[in-house]
Every structure is written in C-alpha cells, then in structure tokens.
PDB file of N, CA and C in Angstrom:
ATOM      1  N   MET A   1      23.325 -64.231  -5.145  1.00  0.00           N
ATOM      2  CA  MET A   1      22.426 -63.115  -4.510  1.00  0.00           C
ATOM      3  C   MET A   1      21.675 -64.042  -3.315  1.00  0.00           C
ATOM      4  N   ALA A   2      21.426 -63.204  -2.200  1.00  0.00           N
ATOM      5  CA  ALA A   2      20.869 -64.057  -1.178  1.00  0.00           C
ATOM      6  C   ALA A   2      19.494 -64.407  -1.675  1.00  0.00           C
ATOM      7  N   ALA A   3      19.260 -65.244  -0.559  1.00  0.00           N
ATOM      8  CA  ALA A   3      17.799 -66.359  -0.910  1.00  0.00           C
ATOM      9  C   ALA A   3      16.254 -65.655  -1.120  1.00  0.00           C
ATOM     10  N   ALA A   4      15.391 -64.838  -1.696  1.00  0.00           N
ATOM     11  CA  ALA A   4      14.098 -64.558  -2.166  1.00  0.00           C
ATOM     12  C   ALA A   4      13.590 -64.201  -0.647  1.00  0.00           C
ATOM     13  N   PHE A   5      13.439 -64.893   0.656  1.00  0.00           N
ATOM     14  CA  PHE A   5      12.612 -64.603   1.945  1.00  0.00           C
ATOM     15  C   PHE A   5      13.574 -63.613   2.688  1.00  0.00           C
ATOM     16  N   PRO A   6      14.972 -63.971   3.125  1.00  0.00           N
ATOM     17  CA  PRO A   6      15.620 -63.139   3.492  1.00  0.00           C
ATOM     18  C   PRO A   6      16.022 -61.865   2.821  1.00  0.00           C
ATOM     19  N   ARG A   7      16.022 -61.789   2.112  1.00  0.00           N
ATOM     20  CA  ARG A   7      16.162 -60.273   0.915  1.00  0.00           C
ATOM     21  C   ARG A   7      14.931 -59.465   0.725  1.00  0.00           C
ATOM     22  N   LEU A   8      13.838 -60.190   0.991  1.00  0.00           N
ATOM     23  CA  LEU A   8      12.711 -59.530   1.191  1.00  0.00           C
ATOM     24  C   LEU A   8      12.513 -58.908   2.549  1.00  0.00           C
ATOM     25  N   TRP A   9      12.853 -59.383   3.443  1.00  0.00           N
ATOM     26  CA  TRP A   9      12.839 -59.415   5.066  1.00  0.00           C
ATOM     27  C   TRP A   9      13.512 -58.238   5.260  1.00  0.00           C
ATOM     28  N   VAL A  10      14.834 -57.960   5.244  1.00  0.00           N
ATOM     29  CA  VAL A  10      15.776 -57.049   5.160  1.00  0.00           C
ATOM     30  C   VAL A  10      15.219 -56.426   4.569  1.00  0.00           C
ATOM     31  N   HIS A  11      14.674 -55.872   3.385  1.00  0.00           N
ATOM     32  CA  HIS A  11      14.100 -54.625   2.829  1.00  0.00           C
ATOM     33  C   HIS A  11      12.937 -54.098   4.289  1.00  0.00           C
ATOM     34  N   LYS A  12      12.231 -55.237   3.826  1.00  0.00           N
ATOM     35  CA  LYS A  12      10.839 -54.775   4.684  1.00  0.00           C
ATOM     36  C   LYS A  12      11.033 -53.900   6.107  1.00  0.00           C
ATOM     37  N   ASP A  13      11.952 -54.960   6.303  1.00  0.00           N
ATOM     38  CA  ASP A  13      12.707 -54.544   7.921  1.00  0.00           C
ATOM     39  C   ASP A  13      13.426 -53.072   8.285  1.00  0.00           C
ATOM     40  N   ALA A  14      14.081 -52.749   6.909  1.00  0.00           N
ATOM     41  CA  ALA A  14      14.481 -51.872   7.178  1.00  0.00           C
ATOM     42  C   ALA A  14      13.537 -50.012   6.540  1.00  0.00           C
ATOM     43  N   VAL A  15      12.903 -50.777   6.180  1.00  0.00           N
ATOM     44  CA  VAL A  15      11.273 -49.521   5.678  1.00  0.00           C
ATOM     45  C   VAL A  15      11.021 -49.862   7.656  1.00  0.00           C
ATOM     46  N   LEU A  16      10.381 -50.487   8.206  1.00  0.00           N
ATOM     47  CA  LEU A  16       9.909 -50.399   9.423  1.00  0.00           C
ATOM     48  C   LEU A  16      10.918 -50.143  10.763  1.00  0.00           C
ATOM     49  N   LYS A  17      11.814 -49.685  10.406  1.00  0.00           N
ATOM     50  CA  LYS A  17      12.849 -49.549  11.336  1.00  0.00           C
ATOM     51  C   LYS A  17      13.223 -48.149  10.908  1.00  0.00           C
ATOM     52  N   CYS A  18      13.023 -47.555   9.550  1.00  0.00           N
ATOM     53  CA  CYS A  18      13.316 -45.878   9.515  1.00  0.00           C
ATOM     54  C   CYS A  18      12.168 -45.412   9.673  1.00  0.00           C
ATOM     55  N   THR A  19      10.938 -45.428   9.394  1.00  0.00           N
ATOM     56  CA  THR A  19       9.430 -45.293  10.221  1.00  0.00           C
ATOM     57  C   THR A  19       9.484 -45.389  11.779  1.00  0.00           C
ATOM     58  N   GLY A  20      10.198 -45.840  12.138  1.00  0.00           N
ATOM     59  CA  GLY A  20      10.219 -46.475  13.438  1.00  0.00           C
ATOM     60  C   GLY A  20       8.986 -47.287  14.452  1.00  0.00           C
ATOM     61  N   ASP A  21       8.239 -47.777  13.035  1.00  0.00           N
ATOM     62  CA  ASP A  21       7.151 -48.511  13.902  1.00  0.00           C
ATOM     63  C   ASP A  21       7.732 -49.968  13.956  1.00  0.00           C
ATOM     64  N   GLY A  22       8.558 -50.546  13.870  1.00  0.00           N
ATOM     65  CA  GLY A  22       8.900 -51.855  14.166  1.00  0.00           C
ATOM     66  C   GLY A  22       8.035 -52.597  13.664  1.00  0.00           C
ATOM     67  N   LEU A  23       7.743 -53.961  14.379  1.00  0.00           N
ATOM     68  CA  LEU A  23       7.052 -54.577  14.206  1.00  0.00           C
ATOM     69  C   LEU A  23       5.092 -54.423  14.895  1.00  0.00           C
ATOM     70  N   MET A  24       5.265 -53.140  14.998  1.00  0.00           N
ATOM     71  CA  MET A  24       3.416 -52.638  15.029  1.00  0.00           C
ATOM     72  C   MET A  24       3.289 -52.612  14.367  1.00  0.00           C
ATOM     73  N   VAL A  25       3.843 -52.241  13.260  1.00  0.00           N
ATOM     74  CA  VAL A  25       2.742 -52.146  11.236  1.00  0.00           C
ATOM     75  C   VAL A  25       3.169 -53.367  11.022  1.00  0.00           C
ATOM     76  N   SER A  26       2.337 -54.580  10.745  1.00  0.00           N
ATOM     77  CA  SER A  26       2.934 -55.600   9.966  1.00  0.00           C
ATOM     78  C   SER A  26       3.211 -55.780   8.602  1.00  0.00           C
ATOM     79  N   PRO A  27       4.184 -56.362   8.478  1.00  0.00           N
ATOM     80  CA  PRO A  27       5.425 -56.145   7.114  1.00  0.00           C
ATOM     81  C   PRO A  27       4.145 -56.636   6.037  1.00  0.00           C
ATOM     82  N   ARG A  28       3.150 -57.282   6.542  1.00  0.00           N
ATOM     83  CA  ARG A  28       2.280 -58.192   4.958  1.00  0.00           C
ATOM     84  C   ARG A  28       1.611 -56.500   4.591  1.00  0.00           C
ATOM     85  N   THR A  29       1.408 -55.209   5.063  1.00  0.00           N
ATOM     86  CA  THR A  29       1.030 -54.277   4.724  1.00  0.00           C
ATOM     87  C   THR A  29       1.475 -53.604   3.503  1.00  0.00           C
ATOM     88  N   PHE A  30       2.822 -53.789   2.676  1.00  0.00           N
ATOM     89  CA  PHE A  30       3.337 -52.934   2.238  1.00  0.00           C
ATOM     90  C   PHE A  30       4.445 -54.288   1.037  1.00  0.00           C
ATOM     91  N   SER A  31       4.718 -54.118  -0.023  1.00  0.00           N
ATOM     92  CA  SER A  31       5.900 -55.059  -0.650  1.00  0.00           C
ATOM     93  C   SER A  31       6.302 -54.497  -1.425  1.00  0.00           C
ATOM     94  N   ILE A  32       7.949 -55.132  -1.945  1.00  0.00           N
ATOM     95  CA  ILE A  32       8.651 -54.245  -2.422  1.00  0.00           C
ATOM     96  C   ILE A  32       8.913 -54.826  -3.872  1.00  0.00           C
ATOM     97  N   ALA A  33       9.067 -53.821  -4.173  1.00  0.00           N
ATOM     98  CA  ALA A  33       9.752 -54.631  -6.209  1.00  0.00           C
ATOM     99  C   ALA A  33      10.936 -54.932  -6.197  1.00  0.00           C
ATOM    100  N   PHE A  34      11.117 -55.810  -6.541  1.00  0.00           N
ATOM    101  CA  PHE A  34      12.677 -55.596  -6.924  1.00  0.00           C
ATOM    102  C   PHE A  34      13.006 -55.611  -8.599  1.00  0.00           C
ATOM    103  N   ASP A  35      12.042 -55.957  -9.316  1.00  0.00           N
ATOM    104  CA  ASP A  35      12.216 -55.319 -10.764  1.00  0.00           C
ATOM    105  C   ASP A  35      12.739 -54.349 -11.187  1.00  0.00           C
ATOM    106  N   ARG A  36      12.961 -53.537  -9.999  1.00  0.00           N
ATOM    107  CA  ARG A  36      13.281 -51.768 -10.339  1.00  0.00           C
ATOM    108  C   ARG A  36      14.839 -51.668  -9.386  1.00  0.00           C
ATOM    109  N   ASN A  37      15.818 -51.575  -9.897  1.00  0.00           N
ATOM    110  CA  ASN A  37      17.081 -50.846  -9.471  1.00  0.00           C
ATOM    111  C   ASN A  37      17.110 -49.241  -9.213  1.00  0.00           C
ATOM    112  N   PRO A  38      16.770 -48.865  -7.737  1.00  0.00           N
ATOM    113  CA  PRO A  38      16.921 -50.026  -6.973  1.00  0.00           C
ATOM    114  C   PRO A  38      15.965 -50.225  -6.694  1.00  0.00           C
ATOM    115  N   PRO A  39      15.221 -50.927  -5.539  1.00  0.00           N
ATOM    116  CA  PRO A  39      13.920 -51.622  -5.182  1.00  0.00           C
ATOM    117  C   PRO A  39      12.830 -50.586  -4.995  1.00  0.00           C
ATOM    118  N   SER A  40      11.795 -50.859  -4.620  1.00  0.00           N
ATOM    119  CA  SER A  40      10.749 -49.627  -4.568  1.00  0.00           C
ATOM    120  C   SER A  40       9.655 -50.214  -3.410  1.00  0.00           C
ATOM    121  N   LEU A  41       9.115 -49.191  -3.481  1.00  0.00           N
ATOM    122  CA  LEU A  41       7.937 -49.468  -2.202  1.00  0.00           C
ATOM    123  C   LEU A  41       7.053 -49.598  -2.696  1.00  0.00           C
ATOM    124  N   ILE A  42       5.821 -50.233  -2.857  1.00  0.00           N
ATOM    125  CA  ILE A  42       4.243 -50.517  -3.167  1.00  0.00           C
ATOM    126  C   ILE A  42       3.380 -50.598  -2.463  1.00  0.00           C
ATOM    127  N   GLY A  43       2.447 -49.887  -2.135  1.00  0.00           N
ATOM    128  CA  GLY A  43       1.723 -49.741  -1.515  1.00  0.00           C
ATOM    129  C   GLY A  43       1.732 -49.238  -0.524  1.00  0.00           C
ATOM    130  N   TRP A  44       2.762 -48.649   0.832  1.00  0.00           N
ATOM    131  CA  TRP A  44       3.194 -48.371   1.571  1.00  0.00           C
ATOM    132  C   TRP A  44       2.038 -46.559   2.046  1.00  0.00           C
ATOM    133  N   ILE A  45       1.104 -46.922   3.349  1.00  0.00           N
ATOM    134  CA  ILE A  45       0.665 -45.560   3.258  1.00  0.00           C
ATOM    135  C   ILE A  45       0.804 -45.424   4.836  1.00  0.00           C
ATOM    136  N   GLY A  46       1.551 -45.546   5.057  1.00  0.00           N
ATOM    137  CA  GLY A  46       2.603 -45.456   6.575  1.00  0.00           C
ATOM    138  C   GLY A  46       2.723 -44.093   6.359  1.00  0.00           C
ATOM    139  N   LYS A  47       3.391 -43.596   7.853  1.00  0.00           N
ATOM    140  CA  LYS A  47       3.295 -42.007   8.232  1.00  0.00           C
ATOM    141  C   LYS A  47       4.338 -41.035   7.839  1.00  0.00           C
ATOM    142  N   LEU A  48       5.490 -42.005   7.273  1.00  0.00           N
ATOM    143  CA  LEU A  48       6.529 -41.542   6.579  1.00  0.00           C
ATOM    144  C   LEU A  48       6.498 -41.600   5.315  1.00  0.00           C
ATOM    145  N   ALA A  49       6.929 -40.652   4.389  1.00  0.00           N
ATOM    146  CA  ALA A  49       6.936 -41.240   3.104  1.00  0.00           C
ATOM    147  C   ALA A  49       7.373 -39.838   2.270  1.00  0.00           C
ATOM    148  N   PRO A  50       7.914 -40.408   1.110  1.00  0.00           N
ATOM    149  CA  PRO A  50       8.279 -41.195   0.153  1.00  0.00           C
ATOM    150  C   PRO A  50      10.129 -41.758   1.691  1.00  0.00           C
ATOM    151  N   ILE A  51       9.826 -42.652   1.224  1.00  0.00           N
ATOM    152  CA  ILE A  51      10.688 -43.895   1.243  1.00  0.00           C
ATOM    153  C   ILE A  51      11.856 -45.066  -0.096  1.00  0.00           C
ATOM    154  N   GLY A  52      12.813 -44.008   0.318  1.00  0.00           N
ATOM    155  CA  GLY A  52      13.719 -44.593  -0.668  1.00  0.00           C
ATOM    156  C   GLY A  52      15.119 -46.075   0.186  1.00  0.00           C
ATOM    157  N   LEU A  53      14.883 -47.340  -0.749  1.00  0.00           N
ATOM    158  CA  LEU A  53      15.323 -48.715  -0.004  1.00  0.00           C
ATOM    159  C   LEU A  53      16.960 -48.315  -1.899  1.00  0.00           C
ATOM    160  N   ALA A  54      17.630 -49.431  -0.254  1.00  0.00           N
ATOM    161  CA  ALA A  54      18.864 -49.753  -1.342  1.00  0.00           C
ATOM    162  C   ALA A  54      19.113 -51.187  -0.903  1.00  0.00           C
ATOM    163  N   THR A  55      19.922 -51.633  -1.926  1.00  0.00           N
ATOM    164  CA  THR A  55      20.080 -53.253  -1.660  1.00  0.00           C
ATOM    165  C   THR A  55      21.814 -53.128  -0.987  1.00  0.00           C
ATOM    166  N   LEU A  56      22.278 -53.695   0.092  1.00  0.00           N
ATOM    167  CA  LEU A  56      24.108 -53.828  -0.018  1.00  0.00           C
ATOM    168  C   LEU A  56      24.456 -54.730  -0.299  1.00  0.00           C
ATOM    169  N   ASP A  57      25.653 -54.593  -0.421  1.00  0.00           N
ATOM    170  CA  ASP A  57      26.561 -55.728  -1.273  1.00  0.00           C
ATOM    171  C   ASP A  57      27.132 -56.216   0.017  1.00  0.00           C
ATOM    172  N   VAL A  58      26.559 -57.293   0.404  1.00  0.00           N
ATOM    173  CA  VAL A  58      27.416 -58.535   1.736  1.00  0.00           C
ATOM    174  C   VAL A  58      27.543 -59.427   1.175  1.00  0.00           C
ATOM    175  N   GLY A  59      27.797 -59.738   0.213  1.00  0.00           N
ATOM    176  CA  GLY A  59      28.149 -61.547  -0.278  1.00  0.00           C
ATOM    177  C   GLY A  59      27.149 -61.943  -0.400  1.00  0.00           C
ATOM    178  N   LYS A  60      27.218 -63.463  -1.095  1.00  0.00           N
ATOM    179  CA  LYS A  60      26.285 -64.066  -1.105  1.00  0.00           C
ATOM    180  C   LYS A  60      25.713 -64.756  -0.161  1.00  0.00           C
ATOM    181  N   ARG A  61      26.336 -65.437   1.106  1.00  0.00           N
ATOM    182  CA  ARG A  61      25.274 -65.878   2.261  1.00  0.00           C
ATOM    183  C   ARG A  61      24.645 -65.020   2.861  1.00  0.00           C
ATOM    184  N   TYR A  62      24.807 -63.413   2.529  1.00  0.00           N
ATOM    185  CA  TYR A  62      24.071 -62.701   3.575  1.00  0.00           C
ATOM    186  C   TYR A  62      22.961 -61.498   2.538  1.00  0.00           C
ATOM    187  N   ALA A  63      21.946 -60.810   3.555  1.00  0.00           N
ATOM    188  CA  ALA A  63      21.118 -59.709   2.440  1.00  0.00           C
ATOM    189  C   ALA A  63      21.250 -58.691   3.776  1.00  0.00           C
ATOM    190  N   ALA A  64      20.899 -57.636   3.126  1.00  0.00           N
ATOM    191  CA  ALA A  64      21.239 -56.184   4.515  1.00  0.00           C
ATOM    192  C   ALA A  64      20.557 -54.922   2.915  1.00  0.00           C
ATOM    193  N   ALA A  65      19.671 -54.049   3.276  1.00  0.00           N
ATOM    194  CA  ALA A  65      19.151 -53.120   3.513  1.00  0.00           C
ATOM    195  C   ALA A  65      19.454 -51.978   3.723  1.00  0.00           C
ATOM    196  N   VAL A  66      19.088 -51.169   3.284  1.00  0.00           N
ATOM    197  CA  VAL A  66      19.154 -49.224   4.022  1.00  0.00           C
ATOM    198  C   VAL A  66      18.167 -48.825   3.465  1.00  0.00           C
ATOM    199  N   ALA A  67      16.714 -47.950   4.342  1.00  0.00           N
ATOM    200  CA  ALA A  67      15.611 -47.667   4.062  1.00  0.00           C
ATOM    201  C   ALA A  67      16.322 -45.494   4.516  1.00  0.00           C
ATOM    202  N   VAL A  68      15.751 -44.462   3.586  1.00  0.00           N
ATOM    203  CA  VAL A  68      15.861 -43.568   4.192  1.00  0.00           C
ATOM    204  C   VAL A  68      14.324 -42.635   3.149  1.00  0.00           C
ATOM    205  N   GLY A  69      14.062 -42.271   4.452  1.00  0.00           N
ATOM    206  CA  GLY A  69      12.578 -41.623   4.639  1.00  0.00           C
ATOM    207  C   GLY A  69      12.830 -40.103   4.283  1.00  0.00           C
ATOM    208  N   GLY A  70      11.969 -39.222   3.033  1.00  0.00           N
ATOM    209  CA  GLY A  70      12.021 -38.355   3.081  1.00  0.00           C
ATOM    210  C   GLY A  70      12.802 -38.504   1.661  1.00  0.00           C
ATOM    211  N   THR A  71      12.945 -38.756   0.731  1.00  0.00           N
ATOM    212  CA  THR A  71      13.126 -38.956  -0.527  1.00  0.00           C
ATOM    213  C   THR A  71      13.043 -40.491  -1.065  1.00  0.00           C
ATOM    214  N   ARG A  72      13.490 -40.658  -2.583  1.00  0.00           N
ATOM    215  CA  ARG A  72      13.043 -42.068  -2.959  1.00  0.00           C
ATOM    216  C   ARG A  72      14.492 -42.150  -3.820  1.00  0.00           C
ATOM    217  N   ALA A  73      15.295 -41.412  -4.165  1.00  0.00           N
ATOM    218  CA  ALA A  73      16.490 -40.955  -4.438  1.00  0.00           C
ATOM    219  C   ALA A  73      17.877 -40.851  -3.053  1.00  0.00           C
ATOM    220  N   PHE A  74      18.832 -41.477  -3.205  1.00  0.00           N
ATOM    221  CA  PHE A  74      19.931 -41.510  -2.353  1.00  0.00           C
ATOM    222  C   PHE A  74      21.319 -41.841  -2.879  1.00  0.00           C
ATOM    223  N   LYS A  75      21.907 -41.532  -3.134  1.00  0.00           N
ATOM    224  CA  LYS A  75      23.102 -42.212  -3.186  1.00  0.00           C
ATOM    225  C   LYS A  75      24.322 -42.765  -1.804  1.00  0.00           C
ATOM    226  N   LEU A  76      24.361 -43.470  -2.037  1.00  0.00           N
ATOM    227  CA  LEU A  76      24.961 -44.874  -0.704  1.00  0.00           C
ATOM    228  C   LEU A  76      26.389 -44.822  -0.938  1.00  0.00           C
ATOM    229  N   GLU A  77      27.275 -44.398  -0.548  1.00  0.00           N
ATOM    230  CA  GLU A  77      28.748 -44.756  -0.788  1.00  0.00           C
ATOM    231  C   GLU A  77      29.212 -45.186   0.669  1.00  0.00           C
ATOM    232  N   MET A  78      29.929 -46.665  -0.202  1.00  0.00           N
ATOM    233  CA  MET A  78      30.331 -47.846   0.937  1.00  0.00           C
ATOM    234  C   MET A  78      32.162 -47.328   1.081  1.00  0.00           C
ATOM    235  N   ARG A  79      32.359 -47.271   2.134  1.00  0.00           N
ATOM    236  CA  ARG A  79      34.198 -46.530   2.335  1.00  0.00           C
ATOM    237  C   ARG A  79      34.046 -48.020   3.250  1.00  0.00           C
TER     238      ARG A  79
END
C-alpha cells in the first residue's frame, strides 16, 4: 500500500478536481476517512455534494484515486 501522505493527497486532489475548485479551496478544510471501504469524505462543505471516492489499485509504489460528484456510491470498472 502507498505511503500515508501520497494516499491522502491523491484522494483530496481528486475531490478538488471533481468540484472544479482545484487549490482555490484548501485541502485542509476537509478530511478523508480511510477506515471505511470506500474511503469517505468528512467535513466537506463545498458546492458539490455528495462526493463518492474510490481508491485505484496502481501497484505498491503509486497512489491514485477518483472522485465522482452527485453520489456516494458508484461502481468503478477497470478494463
């Protein structure tokens, strides 16, 4: 599994890209709970909600995530 900081960063980055906010909104304004599968957003008060998260399996040396607005649950199919 990827180290903690890169894993956290890619999830927060996915959320901010999903909303279109980019770094205009500080990643410190919300948290990601990794104790759930899939990870969940905590403390999000942004303009787009709900936001679903998924962790992508890209190998041990990398971290990747995707965020989808308008739903908490979605099915991600890797081909």
